[in-house]
Structure formats: structure tokens, C-alpha cells
Amino acid sequence: MKRWLMPALAGLLQLPTAAVAIEWTLHGALKNETAYFIAGEKRLDKLQSRLDLKPEAILSDRWEFRGRVLGWYDAAMDIEPTNNRDLTPGIKQHYRTYLQSKEAYLLYGGDAFDFRIGQQQMVWGKTDGLRMLDIINPLDMREFILDDFLDSRIGLWSARLNWYADIGGSQHEFEFIVIPDARAGEFAPTGSRWAYAMPVAPAGAALAVQAGRKPGWRAADTEAGIAWRSNIAGWDLSLNWLYGWKDSPNMQKNLTPGLLTLTPVYQRMNTVGGSFSNAFGPMVLRGELAVNIGEGINKTGTTPLTSVGRKTTVNAAFGVDYTKNNWRISPQLFIRHLPGRDTTIAEDQTSGFVSLMISTDYMNEKLKPEVIGLYDWAGGSWMLRPKLAYEFSDQIMARLGADLFGGSTGFFGQFDKNDRVYTEVEYTF
């Protein structure tokens, strides 16, 4: 269906013909990313050569085209020997090459509205590092949450209208989104070092994982959302609603003698919430709230009816950005709460994270150190990401960093043996 969508749209919208001059530009980047595991089994994690292309075209005084294609070849998959643990032929094939369109859409700029149709990334919310309202586009989590969200977000074929209105002397923005291309998140293949930990089968039972039905390009799977944004008395405010699919599945269990079968189950939910931010001198206060109504929840049972349920969850975040004398200090607090006590739910009733980001620069903004830490206070695990960037020129940047994990359990603790150091060299054009 998607192969003929753009030509059909061009015809319907009467875009300029070949006789009309079209102004094309092409930006992008060449990048090498090299990472080496320094914990667990020490080896190369990746040796990627990446190409990022961003074509744009002015089609008329109202119409534009914007796109982005990201691809790479990972030589580490050919350098490291194949094994039956975490580098099977299938895992190597998954990581060796990548080529995906991230965005490809038409933009119409009206006097009081913008309209976009095509493959898009749509970003909501005010938080850094973890997502609450920013759940429209699912993520490709082949490297957990270590990739930049701009790279890991999966572009969705969708239509988006942003209408700008002056109401009572204040400017308001209304956003309407329809997504026929419903997608689920992509995860690291089972057995790889970045795969999520699977439930443990009871003693004497084998574990089997079946394929679940993922949401797709079906009329019945269509997602929709509405957002309102405005600045009132210095506060940037938003209200948001999304009717969509939870990107990560719940695991339905079926325990029979000698076998525990897991089936991924994808479920719809309504997300309602909003965000706020305001500047007070060198300090910015920001936060957001996301209430997931009917969110799929894992339960402790071992039958299809008792292992997966639904629950309303409350998710909130509050952050502060303090910037002074080239220093930025940004703590954040994330809270997830399940109202009503239920001992059959396989997660803590209240959980969350604390994060801290500190950055500065030296040598006329050429040398840029940064460190980000996240602590899972319910699971007792943590992640620390120190990084040092040096800007050789406007086009050439080099980075040296590390991704460190701690804790035997919890969100980050499952990757305790995945500590790694990495280098990046990037040329932009």
C-alpha cells in the first residue's frame, strides 16, 4: 500500500510538474561508531560506518518535501567469531546492516496552519532520556535506550495538521494526528546482549516463545491523537490525548507440564496528560503527566487469563534545568504509580527513576564534557554515561564516552555485564 501512496498524493494535491523548478538540498553526516565491552565477555560491540542523508525540496511557495534515510554496516559482526550464546548467525545478520527511511513527508505551509502527510517523527513532552508523553513513534531498541531518540524512533506514515489560532489575544496551537501505519517497538533479538531478560521457567520446564499479532497497516489498528499548546503568563503548556498501541508487548503465559509458553500480546490504550515549562532567570522548571487508561500489565499468573491484565497507570516527571557560566545542571524525577493495590501484578505499585545531567564547555565551546546518570530506585539499578566531545571544526566532531550499568536486578541491572567504552567521529555536510 505504501509504495503507491506518495505518487497518489502528489496527483491529488497537484504538486508542481517537472516543468516547474524544484529547489533540492541535501544535508547529512558520515559517522563511525566503535564500542568495546569492558565487562562480561570482553569483545567489540560494534564497528559501524553510518550514513545519514536528509534530502529537502521546495516544491512551490507552499509545498516542501523533507526526508531522512539512515543506514550502516557494522564490521564487528564479521570480525567477532560466531558462537551459540550471543553472536549466532541470526543475531549477526540483525546487527550487520541497517537501512531505513526515518522520514519522508510533504509539508504544506498555510497562513494559519501547517499540514504534513507521509512518514514522520512526532515528538511530545518535556523530559530527557526517558519517555512519557513522547510515545507516538515506537523505538528500535536494538541497543537498549543508548541510541539518540532521533535515530531510534521508527517513522510512521501519518497525517498531521497544526492549526494556529489567536483566541482572546493569546496564541494557541492545535495538533491533530491520524496514523494508519500502527507499529510496535523493535527489540534486540533473543539471546543478544541487549535483549531484555525473559521470565524464568519453573524447574523442569522448557521455555518457548511464540509470535504475537503486532499492530499494522489495518483500518482497525489506526491510531489518533490531539494536542493543544500555548504560552500563558510565561508558562509553556500542553494538553495531550493519544489513542494508540502500547509499543512493548505484555507476555501471556501458558504453563503446561514441562513447558512454559510465552506469547507477546499488544494492547491498545488511551493516554491523556500534559506538560509545562517556565524560565525563572537561569532556571527552567518543566514537567509532564501521562495517564495511561487501560494499559496492558503483566501479572503473576501462569495461564492466559491470569498472566496479562489492564490497569490505569499514572506517570509523572518533574525536571529542573539550571544554566550559568557555561554549566548546565539538570535533575529529573520520574514516578510511575498503579492506583489500587493488586498483589497479582508483576511490578511494584510505585516505581520510578532519578536522573542527573551535568554538562559544560571549554576552549571556546570546542571541548564539551557531559555526564548523565539514571537510578532506578525501585529496582536498585543504575546507568552512568560520561562523554567528552571535541569540535575540530563546524563539520568534524569526535566523542569519547562510556555506558556503565550497575545492580543485579532492575531496569538497568539486567545489563550489568554490558559496560562498554566507545568512540565516535562524525563529519556533517
Protein backbone atom coordinates (compact mmCIF):
# COMPACT_ATOMS: atom_id res chain seq x y z
CA MET A 1 0.00 0.00 0.00
CA LYS A 2 2.77 2.45 0.93
CA ARG A 3 4.54 2.02 -2.44
CA TRP A 4 1.81 3.92 -4.29
CA LEU A 5 0.83 6.33 -1.50
CA MET A 6 3.21 9.20 -2.30
CA PRO A 7 2.58 9.23 -6.10
CA ALA A 8 -1.16 9.18 -5.45
CA LEU A 9 -0.87 12.07 -3.00
CA ALA A 10 1.20 14.05 -5.48
CA GLY A 11 -1.55 13.64 -8.05
CA LEU A 12 -4.36 14.50 -5.69
CA LEU A 13 -2.60 17.58 -4.37
CA GLN A 14 -1.49 18.73 -7.84
CA LEU A 15 2.15 19.20 -6.91
CA PRO A 16 4.37 21.06 -9.37
CA THR A 17 5.22 19.20 -12.54
CA ALA A 18 8.71 18.63 -13.89
CA ALA A 19 8.40 21.89 -15.84
CA VAL A 20 8.43 23.88 -12.59
CA ALA A 21 11.84 24.46 -10.99
CA ILE A 22 12.26 22.47 -7.79
CA GLU A 23 14.99 23.53 -5.36
CA TRP A 24 16.70 20.46 -3.88
CA THR A 25 19.17 20.44 -0.99
CA LEU A 26 20.94 17.52 0.65
CA HIS A 27 22.41 17.52 4.14
CA GLY A 28 23.68 14.63 6.15
CA ALA A 29 26.53 13.04 8.04
CA LEU A 30 29.18 10.36 7.80
CA LYS A 31 29.94 8.74 11.14
CA ASN A 32 31.97 5.94 12.65
CA GLU A 33 30.81 4.42 15.95
CA THR A 34 33.12 1.93 17.68
CA ALA A 35 32.21 0.31 21.02
CA TYR A 36 34.01 -2.34 23.10
CA PHE A 37 32.56 -4.33 26.00
CA ILE A 38 34.78 -4.00 29.11
CA ALA A 39 32.58 -6.19 31.33
CA GLY A 40 31.34 -9.74 30.95
CA GLU A 41 32.81 -11.31 27.82
CA LYS A 42 35.10 -8.59 26.50
CA ARG A 43 34.77 -8.00 22.76
CA LEU A 44 33.75 -5.49 20.12
CA ASP A 45 30.14 -4.46 20.42
CA LYS A 46 30.08 -2.52 17.18
CA LEU A 47 32.29 -1.03 14.47
CA GLN A 48 29.69 0.88 12.49
CA SER A 49 30.14 3.05 9.43
CA ARG A 50 26.98 5.15 9.21
CA LEU A 51 25.49 7.34 6.50
CA ASP A 52 22.70 9.77 7.37
CA LEU A 53 21.05 11.60 4.45
CA LYS A 54 18.47 14.41 4.75
CA PRO A 55 17.06 15.47 1.37
CA GLU A 56 14.78 18.50 1.21
CA ALA A 57 12.97 20.18 -1.66
CA ILE A 58 11.00 23.39 -2.10
CA LEU A 59 8.24 22.36 -4.48
CA SER A 60 6.33 25.66 -4.57
CA ASP A 61 5.70 28.68 -2.38
CA ARG A 62 3.54 26.44 -0.16
CA TRP A 63 4.79 22.88 -0.57
CA GLU A 64 8.01 21.27 0.66
CA PHE A 65 9.37 17.73 0.85
CA ARG A 66 11.52 16.57 3.76
CA GLY A 67 13.14 13.20 4.19
CA ARG A 68 15.75 11.28 6.12
CA VAL A 69 17.43 7.94 5.41
CA LEU A 70 19.78 6.21 7.87
CA GLY A 71 21.98 3.22 7.06
CA TRP A 72 25.09 1.47 8.28
CA TYR A 73 27.42 -1.50 8.01
CA ASP A 74 28.77 -2.99 11.26
CA ALA A 75 32.13 -4.66 10.63
CA ALA A 76 32.20 -6.06 14.18
CA MET A 77 29.71 -8.71 13.05
CA ASP A 78 32.32 -10.02 10.60
CA ILE A 79 35.33 -9.55 12.90
CA GLU A 80 33.96 -11.26 16.02
CA PRO A 81 33.64 -15.07 15.84
CA THR A 82 30.21 -16.68 15.64
CA ASN A 83 29.04 -18.51 18.76
CA ASN A 84 25.87 -20.10 20.12
CA ARG A 85 25.46 -17.62 23.00
CA ASP A 86 25.14 -14.01 21.87
CA LEU A 87 26.53 -13.95 18.31
CA THR A 88 24.60 -16.59 16.42
CA PRO A 89 24.28 -16.20 12.63
CA GLY A 90 20.80 -14.72 13.11
CA ILE A 91 21.97 -12.14 15.66
CA LYS A 92 24.89 -11.17 13.44
CA GLN A 93 22.56 -10.70 10.48
CA HIS A 94 20.31 -8.46 12.58
CA TYR A 95 23.17 -6.13 13.56
CA ARG A 96 25.42 -6.29 10.46
CA THR A 97 23.49 -3.93 8.17
CA TYR A 98 20.69 -1.40 8.56
CA LEU A 99 18.85 0.76 6.04
CA GLN A 100 15.66 2.56 6.99
CA SER A 101 13.72 5.62 5.96
CA LYS A 102 13.15 7.72 9.08
CA GLU A 103 11.08 10.48 7.49
CA ALA A 104 9.59 11.19 4.05
CA TYR A 105 6.72 13.67 4.08
CA LEU A 106 5.12 16.56 2.25
CA LEU A 107 4.68 19.81 4.16
CA TYR A 108 2.10 22.44 3.24
CA GLY A 109 2.56 25.80 4.95
CA GLY A 110 -0.66 27.77 5.13
CA ASP A 111 -1.34 31.19 6.63
CA ALA A 112 -2.77 29.75 9.85
CA PHE A 113 -1.90 26.08 9.65
CA ASP A 114 0.71 23.52 8.62
CA PHE A 115 -0.18 20.15 7.13
CA ARG A 116 2.19 17.18 6.90
CA ILE A 117 1.47 13.87 5.23
CA GLY A 118 3.86 10.95 4.87
CA GLN A 119 6.38 9.21 7.12
CA GLN A 120 7.05 11.32 10.21
CA GLN A 121 8.51 11.53 13.70
CA MET A 122 6.20 13.34 16.13
CA VAL A 123 7.57 14.43 19.49
CA TRP A 124 5.55 15.34 22.58
CA GLY A 125 6.66 16.10 26.13
CA LYS A 126 9.41 17.85 28.10
CA THR A 127 11.55 15.04 29.56
CA ASP A 128 15.08 13.96 28.63
CA GLY A 129 16.30 10.37 28.41
CA LEU A 130 13.03 8.60 29.27
CA ARG A 131 9.65 8.89 27.56
CA MET A 132 6.18 9.56 29.00
CA LEU A 133 4.20 11.65 26.51
CA ASP A 134 6.73 11.04 23.76
CA ILE A 135 5.20 7.67 22.83
CA ILE A 136 3.71 8.32 19.39
CA ASN A 137 6.64 6.81 17.49
CA PRO A 138 7.83 3.41 18.71
CA LEU A 139 11.56 2.84 19.21
CA ASP A 140 14.07 0.48 17.64
CA MET A 141 15.78 -0.74 20.82
CA ARG A 142 18.49 -2.93 19.33
CA GLU A 143 20.89 -1.07 21.66
CA PHE A 144 18.51 -0.69 24.62
CA ILE A 145 17.93 3.09 25.11
CA LEU A 146 21.51 4.11 24.26
CA ASP A 147 20.80 5.42 20.74
CA ASP A 148 19.69 9.00 20.29
CA PHE A 149 15.89 9.05 20.02
CA LEU A 150 16.18 10.78 16.63
CA ASP A 151 17.94 7.63 15.39
CA SER A 152 15.91 5.02 17.24
CA ARG A 153 12.41 6.40 16.60
CA ILE A 154 10.55 4.46 13.91
CA GLY A 155 8.96 6.79 11.36
CA LEU A 156 5.20 6.35 10.93
CA TRP A 157 3.13 7.04 7.82
CA SER A 158 0.62 9.55 9.10
CA ALA A 159 -1.22 12.83 8.57
CA ARG A 160 -0.69 15.79 10.92
CA LEU A 161 -2.46 19.16 10.96
CA ASN A 162 -1.15 22.02 13.15
CA TRP A 163 -3.59 24.94 13.37
CA TYR A 164 -2.50 28.25 14.92
CA ALA A 165 -5.26 30.45 16.34
CA ASP A 166 -5.45 33.79 18.15
CA ILE A 167 -8.03 33.36 20.89
CA GLY A 168 -8.62 36.21 23.32
CA GLY A 169 -5.30 37.82 22.42
CA SER A 170 -3.32 34.62 23.10
CA GLN A 171 -1.72 32.33 20.56
CA HIS A 172 -2.87 28.71 20.64
CA GLU A 173 -1.75 25.71 18.63
CA PHE A 174 -3.99 22.70 17.98
CA GLU A 175 -2.49 19.50 16.59
CA PHE A 176 -4.47 16.65 15.03
CA ILE A 177 -2.79 13.33 14.14
CA VAL A 178 -4.06 10.24 12.32
CA ILE A 179 -1.76 7.21 11.97
CA PRO A 180 -2.93 4.33 9.76
CA ASP A 181 0.58 2.81 9.95
CA ALA A 182 0.39 1.49 13.52
CA ARG A 183 3.68 -0.10 14.54
CA ALA A 184 5.13 -1.88 17.57
CA GLY A 185 8.56 -1.27 19.03
CA GLU A 186 11.53 -3.27 17.75
CA PHE A 187 13.71 -5.05 20.29
CA ALA A 188 17.09 -6.73 20.35
CA PRO A 189 16.89 -10.35 19.15
CA THR A 190 16.53 -13.03 21.80
CA GLY A 191 19.93 -14.15 23.04
CA SER A 192 21.80 -10.96 22.14
CA ARG A 193 23.49 -8.91 24.84
CA TRP A 194 20.94 -6.09 24.53
CA ALA A 195 17.87 -8.34 24.72
CA TYR A 196 15.52 -7.85 27.66
CA ALA A 197 15.59 -10.55 30.32
CA MET A 198 12.91 -13.19 29.75
CA PRO A 199 10.73 -14.75 32.50
CA VAL A 200 12.35 -17.77 34.11
CA ALA A 201 10.62 -21.09 33.50
CA PRO A 202 9.84 -23.24 36.58
CA ALA A 203 12.26 -26.04 37.39
CA GLY A 204 11.87 -28.91 34.95
CA ALA A 205 10.03 -26.83 32.34
CA ALA A 206 11.34 -25.61 28.99
CA LEU A 207 10.66 -22.10 27.68
CA ALA A 208 9.03 -21.45 24.28
CA VAL A 209 8.22 -18.04 22.75
CA GLN A 210 5.53 -17.73 20.10
CA ALA A 211 4.97 -14.90 17.65
CA GLY A 212 2.25 -12.44 18.63
CA ARG A 213 -0.03 -10.34 16.42
CA LYS A 214 1.56 -6.93 16.02
CA PRO A 215 -0.46 -3.85 15.08
CA GLY A 216 -0.01 -2.96 11.42
CA TRP A 217 -1.39 -1.15 8.40
CA ARG A 218 -5.03 -2.05 9.05
CA ALA A 219 -8.03 0.25 9.38
CA ALA A 220 -8.91 -1.34 12.72
CA ASP A 221 -5.41 -0.60 14.07
CA THR A 222 -5.39 3.13 13.24
CA GLU A 223 -4.06 5.48 15.93
CA ALA A 224 -5.17 9.07 16.55
CA GLY A 225 -4.12 11.97 18.75
CA ILE A 226 -4.88 15.59 19.63
CA ALA A 227 -2.68 18.17 21.35
CA TRP A 228 -3.11 21.78 22.48
CA ARG A 229 -0.19 24.13 23.17
CA SER A 230 0.01 27.70 24.33
CA ASN A 231 2.04 30.14 26.39
CA ILE A 232 0.03 31.61 29.23
CA ALA A 233 1.62 34.08 31.66
CA GLY A 234 5.08 32.80 30.74
CA TRP A 235 4.19 29.11 31.04
CA ASP A 236 4.54 26.84 28.00
CA LEU A 237 1.61 24.46 28.44
CA SER A 238 0.20 21.48 26.57
CA LEU A 239 -2.69 19.06 26.86
CA ASN A 240 -2.40 15.75 25.01
CA TRP A 241 -4.51 12.73 24.11
CA LEU A 242 -3.42 9.67 22.14
CA TYR A 243 -5.43 6.56 21.31
CA GLY A 244 -2.82 4.06 20.26
CA TRP A 245 -0.97 0.85 20.93
CA LYS A 246 1.44 0.17 23.74
CA ASP A 247 4.74 -0.23 21.91
CA SER A 248 6.04 -3.06 24.10
CA PRO A 249 4.01 -6.27 24.45
CA ASN A 250 2.83 -7.98 27.58
CA MET A 251 3.87 -11.62 27.88
CA GLN A 252 0.94 -14.01 28.07
CA LYS A 253 1.94 -17.23 29.84
CA ASN A 254 0.62 -20.76 29.46
CA LEU A 255 2.22 -23.32 31.78
CA THR A 256 1.68 -26.96 30.90
CA PRO A 257 3.61 -29.97 32.20
CA GLY A 258 7.23 -29.49 31.12
CA LEU A 259 6.64 -26.32 29.06
CA LEU A 260 6.11 -22.60 29.69
CA THR A 261 4.83 -20.88 26.53
CA LEU A 262 5.11 -17.09 26.20
CA THR A 263 3.02 -15.17 23.65
CA PRO A 264 3.52 -11.41 23.13
CA VAL A 265 0.21 -9.54 23.41
CA TYR A 266 -0.11 -5.98 22.09
CA GLN A 267 -2.93 -3.89 23.56
CA ARG A 268 -4.47 -0.50 22.91
CA MET A 269 -4.66 2.24 25.50
CA ASN A 270 -5.71 5.87 25.87
CA THR A 271 -3.03 8.28 27.07
CA VAL A 272 -4.15 11.64 28.44
CA GLY A 273 -1.88 14.21 30.04
CA GLY A 274 0.03 17.40 29.53
CA SER A 275 3.29 19.24 30.04
CA PHE A 276 4.56 22.55 31.38
CA SER A 277 7.75 24.64 31.44
CA ASN A 278 8.74 28.14 32.52
CA ALA A 279 12.01 30.05 32.88
CA PHE A 280 12.98 31.88 36.09
CA GLY A 281 16.28 33.58 35.42
CA PRO A 282 18.92 30.86 34.93
CA MET A 283 16.48 28.12 35.94
CA VAL A 284 13.80 26.36 33.89
CA LEU A 285 11.10 24.28 35.59
CA ARG A 286 9.46 21.60 33.44
CA GLY A 287 7.34 18.53 33.82
CA GLU A 288 4.69 16.31 32.34
CA LEU A 289 1.91 13.92 33.28
CA ALA A 290 0.70 10.89 31.32
CA VAL A 291 -2.23 8.78 32.50
CA ASN A 292 -2.46 5.52 30.56
CA ILE A 293 -6.04 4.25 30.65
CA GLY A 294 -6.34 0.53 30.02
CA GLU A 295 -2.58 -0.08 29.78
CA GLY A 296 -1.57 -3.72 29.37
CA ILE A 297 0.03 -5.10 32.54
CA ASN A 298 1.99 -8.29 33.24
CA LYS A 299 0.58 -10.37 36.08
CA THR A 300 1.99 -13.23 38.11
CA GLY A 301 -0.37 -15.95 36.87
CA THR A 302 0.67 -18.79 34.57
CA THR A 303 -2.44 -19.03 32.38
CA PRO A 304 -3.57 -16.73 29.52
CA LEU A 305 -6.33 -15.25 31.68
CA THR A 306 -4.20 -14.65 34.79
CA SER A 307 -0.87 -13.54 33.27
CA VAL A 308 -1.98 -10.38 31.40
CA GLY A 309 -4.41 -7.68 32.51
CA ARG A 310 -5.24 -4.00 32.10
CA LYS A 311 -4.73 -1.13 34.51
CA THR A 312 -4.83 2.65 34.64
CA THR A 313 -1.30 3.87 35.36
CA VAL A 314 -0.19 7.35 36.40
CA ASN A 315 3.20 8.51 35.10
CA ALA A 316 4.69 11.87 36.05
CA ALA A 317 8.01 13.65 35.66
CA PHE A 318 9.48 16.86 37.06
CA GLY A 319 12.76 18.43 35.99
CA VAL A 320 14.91 21.50 36.55
CA ASP A 321 17.45 22.98 34.14
CA TYR A 322 19.97 25.34 35.74
CA THR A 323 22.28 27.12 33.31
CA LYS A 324 25.01 29.55 34.37
CA ASN A 325 28.59 30.29 33.29
CA ASN A 326 28.61 27.57 30.62
CA TRP A 327 27.34 24.98 33.09
CA ARG A 328 24.06 23.12 32.78
CA ILE A 329 22.78 21.04 35.68
CA SER A 330 19.54 19.15 35.10
CA PRO A 331 18.00 16.78 37.66
CA GLN A 332 14.77 14.89 36.88
CA LEU A 333 12.35 12.75 38.87
CA PHE A 334 10.14 10.11 37.18
CA ILE A 335 7.30 8.37 39.03
CA ARG A 336 5.04 5.53 37.90
CA HIS A 337 2.09 4.56 40.11
CA LEU A 338 -0.63 1.92 39.79
CA PRO A 339 -3.67 3.07 41.83
CA GLY A 340 -5.35 0.37 43.89
CA ARG A 341 -3.45 -2.45 45.50
CA ASP A 342 -3.28 -5.68 43.47
CA THR A 343 -0.84 -8.37 44.57
CA THR A 344 -1.21 -10.26 41.28
CA ILE A 345 0.56 -7.52 39.26
CA ALA A 346 4.16 -8.38 38.39
CA GLU A 347 5.61 -4.93 39.10
CA ASP A 348 5.93 -2.55 42.04
CA GLN A 349 2.88 -0.45 42.78
CA THR A 350 5.12 2.64 42.75
CA SER A 351 8.38 2.81 40.85
CA GLY A 352 10.46 5.35 39.01
CA PHE A 353 13.80 6.89 38.21
CA VAL A 354 16.01 9.77 39.24
CA SER A 355 18.32 11.29 36.64
CA LEU A 356 21.04 13.94 36.69
CA MET A 357 22.74 15.53 33.71
CA ILE A 358 25.77 17.87 34.09
CA SER A 359 27.49 19.48 31.12
CA THR A 360 29.83 22.37 30.40
CA ASP A 361 32.32 23.50 27.73
CA TYR A 362 35.88 24.79 27.47
CA MET A 363 38.22 26.19 24.81
CA ASN A 364 35.61 28.48 23.25
CA GLU A 365 32.96 25.72 23.23
CA LYS A 366 35.20 23.23 21.42
CA LEU A 367 35.67 20.81 24.34
CA LYS A 368 32.35 19.63 25.81
CA PRO A 369 32.27 17.21 28.77
CA GLU A 370 28.95 15.73 29.86
CA VAL A 371 27.73 13.07 32.25
CA ILE A 372 24.24 11.58 32.61
CA GLY A 373 23.23 9.27 35.42
CA LEU A 374 19.94 7.42 35.95
CA TYR A 375 18.93 5.48 39.05
CA ASP A 376 16.04 3.00 39.16
CA TRP A 377 15.02 3.47 42.78
CA ALA A 378 12.51 0.60 42.80
CA GLY A 379 14.85 -1.97 41.24
CA GLY A 380 18.05 -0.62 42.77
CA SER A 381 19.92 -0.42 39.44
CA TRP A 382 21.67 2.44 37.67
CA MET A 383 23.23 3.63 34.42
CA LEU A 384 26.05 6.19 34.07
CA ARG A 385 27.01 7.78 30.73
CA PRO A 386 30.10 10.05 30.80
CA LYS A 387 31.04 11.63 27.47
CA LEU A 388 33.70 14.04 26.16
CA ALA A 389 33.19 15.73 22.78
CA TYR A 390 35.70 17.81 20.84
CA GLU A 391 34.70 20.00 17.90
CA PHE A 392 37.58 20.19 15.41
CA SER A 393 35.54 22.39 13.08
CA ASP A 394 31.92 23.21 12.25
CA GLN A 395 31.79 19.92 10.33
CA ILE A 396 34.01 17.50 12.28
CA MET A 397 33.22 16.24 15.79
CA ALA A 398 34.85 13.47 17.85
CA ARG A 399 33.47 11.88 21.01
CA LEU A 400 34.82 9.53 23.68
CA GLY A 401 32.44 8.01 26.20
CA ALA A 402 31.28 5.06 28.25
CA ASP A 403 28.00 3.32 29.09
CA LEU A 404 28.15 1.79 32.58
CA PHE A 405 25.50 -0.31 34.34
CA GLY A 406 25.08 -1.49 37.92
CA GLY A 407 22.75 -3.63 40.00
CA SER A 408 21.91 -7.31 39.83
CA THR A 409 18.22 -6.72 39.05
CA GLY A 410 16.01 -3.90 37.77
CA PHE A 411 15.68 -1.99 34.53
CA PHE A 412 19.41 -1.28 34.19
CA GLY A 413 20.75 -4.17 36.26
CA GLN A 414 19.87 -6.74 33.59
CA PHE A 415 22.73 -5.22 31.55
CA ASP A 416 25.25 -5.25 34.40
CA LYS A 417 27.77 -7.16 32.22
CA ASN A 418 27.38 -4.80 29.26
CA ASP A 419 29.65 -1.94 30.38
CA ARG A 420 31.32 -0.52 27.29
CA VAL A 421 33.55 2.30 26.10
CA TYR A 422 33.06 3.93 22.71
CA THR A 423 34.41 6.47 20.25
CA GLU A 424 32.58 8.44 17.57
CA VAL A 425 33.93 10.52 14.69
CA GLU A 426 31.33 12.46 12.70
CA TYR A 427 31.52 14.61 9.57
CA THR A 428 28.43 16.65 8.73
CA PHE A 429 27.65 18.27 5.39
